[in-house]
């Protein structure tokens, strides 16, 4: 769970908050990661680690084939959901009355703000030259580090 508190790093435009130092910046990045999920760079790094070492066509094909069942299942779920949603004739009316479009736009805007904030904090963290161990400790405090077995 994300702890509530005003003890965050101020925006680049000013404001009140904690001092800008490695530990507070790392903690704020971890807080945002709990809410937003992994950063795109983290996802790409994990995929690169999972990729086979040999870049030959045979190993790439085997790697793609090993991921095919999951991709097929995701595709089937997506097709099923879009078919069910498409068959509901009153869905647009219900969405309009409930204000779903407005709510989705506001949620997308807040997510965009949070992702920009995390990007700013990442730049600040890298600009300070903070050690990677500081970030690992912050992520571990929020349960974002996978247990190595």
C-alpha atoms as a PDB file:
ATOM      1  CA  UNK A   1       0.000   0.000   0.000  1.00  0.00           C
ATOM      2  CA  UNK A   2       1.217   3.486  -0.777  1.00  0.00           C
ATOM      3  CA  UNK A   3       1.692   5.562   2.333  1.00  0.00           C
ATOM      4  CA  UNK A   4       0.000   8.922   2.379  1.00  0.00           C
ATOM      5  CA  UNK A   5       2.128  11.855   3.273  1.00  0.00           C
ATOM      6  CA  UNK A   6       3.249  15.272   2.221  1.00  0.00           C
ATOM      7  CA  UNK A   7       6.882  14.303   2.520  1.00  0.00           C
ATOM      8  CA  UNK A   8       7.595  14.293  -1.221  1.00  0.00           C
ATOM      9  CA  UNK A   9      10.080  16.034  -3.447  1.00  0.00           C
ATOM     10  CA  UNK A  10       8.773  19.401  -4.689  1.00  0.00           C
ATOM     11  CA  UNK A  11       8.032  19.956  -8.364  1.00  0.00           C
ATOM     12  CA  UNK A  12      10.584  21.736 -10.550  1.00  0.00           C
ATOM     13  CA  UNK A  13       8.384  24.825 -10.315  1.00  0.00           C
ATOM     14  CA  UNK A  14       8.696  25.115  -6.562  1.00  0.00           C
ATOM     15  CA  UNK A  15       6.492  24.121  -3.723  1.00  0.00           C
ATOM     16  CA  UNK A  16       7.130  22.667  -0.337  1.00  0.00           C
ATOM     17  CA  UNK A  17       8.347  19.222   0.520  1.00  0.00           C
ATOM     18  CA  UNK A  18      11.388  17.151   1.310  1.00  0.00           C
ATOM     19  CA  UNK A  19      14.889  18.069   0.334  1.00  0.00           C
ATOM     20  CA  UNK A  20      15.958  16.789  -3.049  1.00  0.00           C
ATOM     21  CA  UNK A  21      18.306  13.949  -2.180  1.00  0.00           C
ATOM     22  CA  UNK A  22      18.732  10.393  -3.376  1.00  0.00           C
ATOM     23  CA  UNK A  23      16.665   8.695  -0.681  1.00  0.00           C
ATOM     24  CA  UNK A  24      13.589  10.924  -1.027  1.00  0.00           C
ATOM     25  CA  UNK A  25      13.697  10.876  -4.833  1.00  0.00           C
ATOM     26  CA  UNK A  26      14.016   7.068  -4.841  1.00  0.00           C
ATOM     27  CA  UNK A  27      11.109   6.767  -2.396  1.00  0.00           C
ATOM     28  CA  UNK A  28       8.896   8.983  -4.589  1.00  0.00           C
ATOM     29  CA  UNK A  29       9.785   6.926  -7.669  1.00  0.00           C
ATOM     30  CA  UNK A  30       8.864   3.741  -5.784  1.00  0.00           C
ATOM     31  CA  UNK A  31       5.547   5.270  -4.655  1.00  0.00           C
ATOM     32  CA  UNK A  32       4.641   6.134  -8.239  1.00  0.00           C
ATOM     33  CA  UNK A  33       5.721   2.713  -9.470  1.00  0.00           C
ATOM     34  CA  UNK A  34       3.326   1.072  -7.011  1.00  0.00           C
ATOM     35  CA  UNK A  35       0.468   3.012  -8.603  1.00  0.00           C
ATOM     36  CA  UNK A  36       1.568   3.104 -12.261  1.00  0.00           C
ATOM     37  CA  UNK A  37       3.269  -0.237 -12.657  1.00  0.00           C
ATOM     38  CA  UNK A  38       6.750  -0.795 -14.035  1.00  0.00           C
ATOM     39  CA  UNK A  39       8.418   1.863 -16.139  1.00  0.00           C
ATOM     40  CA  UNK A  40       8.769   1.145 -19.873  1.00  0.00           C
ATOM     41  CA  UNK A  41      12.548   1.023 -19.476  1.00  0.00           C
ATOM     42  CA  UNK A  42      12.207  -1.620 -16.770  1.00  0.00           C
ATOM     43  CA  UNK A  43       9.946  -3.724 -18.984  1.00  0.00           C
ATOM     44  CA  UNK A  44      12.417  -3.478 -21.876  1.00  0.00           C
ATOM     45  CA  UNK A  45      15.297  -4.427 -19.572  1.00  0.00           C
ATOM     46  CA  UNK A  46      13.430  -7.513 -18.349  1.00  0.00           C
ATOM     47  CA  UNK A  47      12.595  -8.550 -21.912  1.00  0.00           C
ATOM     48  CA  UNK A  48      16.256  -8.156 -22.866  1.00  0.00           C
ATOM     49  CA  UNK A  49      17.241 -10.395 -19.947  1.00  0.00           C
ATOM     50  CA  UNK A  50      14.687 -13.021 -21.026  1.00  0.00           C
ATOM     51  CA  UNK A  51      15.833 -12.927 -24.663  1.00  0.00           C
ATOM     52  CA  UNK A  52      18.114 -15.736 -25.772  1.00  0.00           C
ATOM     53  CA  UNK A  53      21.844 -15.043 -25.898  1.00  0.00           C
ATOM     54  CA  UNK A  54      22.275 -16.379 -29.435  1.00  0.00           C
ATOM     55  CA  UNK A  55      20.769 -13.957 -31.921  1.00  0.00           C
ATOM     56  CA  UNK A  56      20.488 -16.578 -34.665  1.00  0.00           C
ATOM     57  CA  UNK A  57      17.183 -17.076 -36.422  1.00  0.00           C
ATOM     58  CA  UNK A  58      16.733 -20.512 -34.904  1.00  0.00           C
ATOM     59  CA  UNK A  59      17.005 -19.297 -31.296  1.00  0.00           C
ATOM     60  CA  UNK A  60      14.799 -16.269 -31.997  1.00  0.00           C
ATOM     61  CA  UNK A  61      12.195 -18.585 -33.509  1.00  0.00           C
ATOM     62  CA  UNK A  62      12.326 -20.896 -30.512  1.00  0.00           C
ATOM     63  CA  UNK A  63      11.974 -17.933 -28.155  1.00  0.00           C
ATOM     64  CA  UNK A  64       8.946 -16.640 -30.104  1.00  0.00           C
ATOM     65  CA  UNK A  65       7.387 -20.106 -30.116  1.00  0.00           C
ATOM     66  CA  UNK A  66       7.778 -20.379 -26.349  1.00  0.00           C
ATOM     67  CA  UNK A  67       5.823 -17.109 -25.936  1.00  0.00           C
ATOM     68  CA  UNK A  68       3.118 -18.032 -28.490  1.00  0.00           C
ATOM     69  CA  UNK A  69       0.654 -19.790 -26.120  1.00  0.00           C
ATOM     70  CA  UNK A  70       0.429 -16.723 -23.871  1.00  0.00           C
ATOM     71  CA  UNK A  71       0.025 -14.396 -26.834  1.00  0.00           C
ATOM     72  CA  UNK A  72      -2.694 -16.615 -28.297  1.00  0.00           C
ATOM     73  CA  UNK A  73      -4.572 -16.661 -24.989  1.00  0.00           C
ATOM     74  CA  UNK A  74      -4.352 -12.870 -24.700  1.00  0.00           C
ATOM     75  CA  UNK A  75      -5.634 -12.506 -28.254  1.00  0.00           C
ATOM     76  CA  UNK A  76      -8.529 -14.853 -27.589  1.00  0.00           C
ATOM     77  CA  UNK A  77      -9.525 -12.964 -24.430  1.00  0.00           C
ATOM     78  CA  UNK A  78      -9.363  -9.662 -26.286  1.00  0.00           C
ATOM     79  CA  UNK A  79     -11.516 -11.001 -29.138  1.00  0.00           C
ATOM     80  CA  UNK A  80     -14.044 -12.444 -26.683  1.00  0.00           C
ATOM     81  CA  UNK A  81     -14.303  -9.168 -24.764  1.00  0.00           C
ATOM     82  CA  UNK A  82     -14.654  -7.000 -27.879  1.00  0.00           C
ATOM     83  CA  UNK A  83     -17.342  -9.324 -29.237  1.00  0.00           C
ATOM     84  CA  UNK A  84     -19.356  -9.239 -26.014  1.00  0.00           C
ATOM     85  CA  UNK A  85     -18.999  -5.457 -25.693  1.00  0.00           C
ATOM     86  CA  UNK A  86     -19.923  -4.973 -29.361  1.00  0.00           C
ATOM     87  CA  UNK A  87     -23.120  -7.017 -29.000  1.00  0.00           C
ATOM     88  CA  UNK A  88     -24.474  -4.773 -26.232  1.00  0.00           C
ATOM     89  CA  UNK A  89     -26.664  -2.178 -28.006  1.00  0.00           C
ATOM     90  CA  UNK A  90     -27.276   0.011 -24.951  1.00  0.00           C
ATOM     91  CA  UNK A  91     -23.632   0.316 -23.947  1.00  0.00           C
ATOM     92  CA  UNK A  92     -23.071   3.784 -25.498  1.00  0.00           C
ATOM     93  CA  UNK A  93     -26.209   5.138 -23.810  1.00  0.00           C
ATOM     94  CA  UNK A  94     -25.202   3.760 -20.410  1.00  0.00           C
ATOM     95  CA  UNK A  95     -21.684   5.165 -20.797  1.00  0.00           C
ATOM     96  CA  UNK A  96     -23.083   8.598 -21.712  1.00  0.00           C
ATOM     97  CA  UNK A  97     -25.526   8.714 -18.813  1.00  0.00           C
ATOM     98  CA  UNK A  98     -22.935   7.454 -16.327  1.00  0.00           C
ATOM     99  CA  UNK A  99     -20.316   9.940 -17.529  1.00  0.00           C
ATOM    100  CA  UNK A 100     -17.799   7.196 -18.300  1.00  0.00           C
ATOM    101  CA  UNK A 101     -16.117   9.200 -21.055  1.00  0.00           C
ATOM    102  CA  UNK A 102     -15.420  12.129 -18.737  1.00  0.00           C
ATOM    103  CA  UNK A 103     -14.182   9.843 -15.990  1.00  0.00           C
ATOM    104  CA  UNK A 104     -11.853   8.019 -18.398  1.00  0.00           C
ATOM    105  CA  UNK A 105     -10.430  11.314 -19.716  1.00  0.00           C
ATOM    106  CA  UNK A 106      -9.758  12.538 -16.165  1.00  0.00           C
ATOM    107  CA  UNK A 107      -8.121   9.215 -15.232  1.00  0.00           C
ATOM    108  CA  UNK A 108      -5.951   9.305 -18.359  1.00  0.00           C
ATOM    109  CA  UNK A 109      -4.908  12.868 -17.541  1.00  0.00           C
ATOM    110  CA  UNK A 110      -3.959  11.952 -13.963  1.00  0.00           C
ATOM    111  CA  UNK A 111      -2.000   8.916 -15.200  1.00  0.00           C
ATOM    112  CA  UNK A 112      -0.169  11.127 -17.697  1.00  0.00           C
ATOM    113  CA  UNK A 113       0.719  13.596 -14.922  1.00  0.00           C
ATOM    114  CA  UNK A 114       1.998  10.756 -12.724  1.00  0.00           C
ATOM    115  CA  UNK A 115       4.121   9.317 -15.539  1.00  0.00           C
ATOM    116  CA  UNK A 116       5.620  12.756 -16.222  1.00  0.00           C
ATOM    117  CA  UNK A 117       6.360  13.167 -12.527  1.00  0.00           C
ATOM    118  CA  UNK A 118       8.110   9.797 -12.432  1.00  0.00           C
ATOM    119  CA  UNK A 119      10.146  10.773 -15.515  1.00  0.00           C
ATOM    120  CA  UNK A 120      11.170  14.029 -13.839  1.00  0.00           C
ATOM    121  CA  UNK A 121      12.182  12.164 -10.695  1.00  0.00           C
ATOM    122  CA  UNK A 122      14.150   9.589 -12.715  1.00  0.00           C
ATOM    123  CA  UNK A 123      16.052  12.421 -14.404  1.00  0.00           C
ATOM    124  CA  UNK A 124      16.694  14.042 -11.038  1.00  0.00           C
ATOM    125  CA  UNK A 125      17.901  10.731  -9.603  1.00  0.00           C
ATOM    126  CA  UNK A 126      20.237  10.102 -12.532  1.00  0.00           C
ATOM    127  CA  UNK A 127      21.429  13.720 -12.498  1.00  0.00           C
ATOM    128  CA  UNK A 128      22.427  13.453  -8.851  1.00  0.00           C
ATOM    129  CA  UNK A 129      24.447  10.340  -9.663  1.00  0.00           C
ATOM    130  CA  UNK A 130      22.651   8.330  -7.007  1.00  0.00           C
ATOM    131  CA  UNK A 131      23.768   4.725  -6.431  1.00  0.00           C
ATOM    132  CA  UNK A 132      21.546   1.935  -7.800  1.00  0.00           C
ATOM    133  CA  UNK A 133      21.445   0.367  -4.329  1.00  0.00           C
ATOM    134  CA  UNK A 134      19.436   3.358  -3.078  1.00  0.00           C
ATOM    135  CA  UNK A 135      16.724   2.668  -5.657  1.00  0.00           C
ATOM    136  CA  UNK A 136      16.739  -1.063  -4.861  1.00  0.00           C
ATOM    137  CA  UNK A 137      16.211  -0.301  -1.165  1.00  0.00           C
ATOM    138  CA  UNK A 138      13.304   2.023  -1.948  1.00  0.00           C
ATOM    139  CA  UNK A 139      11.714  -0.547  -4.250  1.00  0.00           C
ATOM    140  CA  UNK A 140      12.199  -3.289  -1.654  1.00  0.00           C
ATOM    141  CA  UNK A 141      10.501  -1.124   0.988  1.00  0.00           C
ATOM    142  CA  UNK A 142       7.388  -0.983  -1.223  1.00  0.00           C
ATOM    143  CA  UNK A 143       7.488  -4.669  -2.163  1.00  0.00           C
ATOM    144  CA  UNK A 144       8.465  -4.039  -5.775  1.00  0.00           C
ATOM    145  CA  UNK A 145      11.525  -6.302  -5.821  1.00  0.00           C
ATOM    146  CA  UNK A 146      10.983  -9.887  -6.902  1.00  0.00           C
ATOM    147  CA  UNK A 147      12.393 -12.525  -4.629  1.00  0.00           C
ATOM    148  CA  UNK A 148      15.350 -14.336  -6.164  1.00  0.00           C
ATOM    149  CA  UNK A 149      15.092 -18.088  -5.893  1.00  0.00           C
END
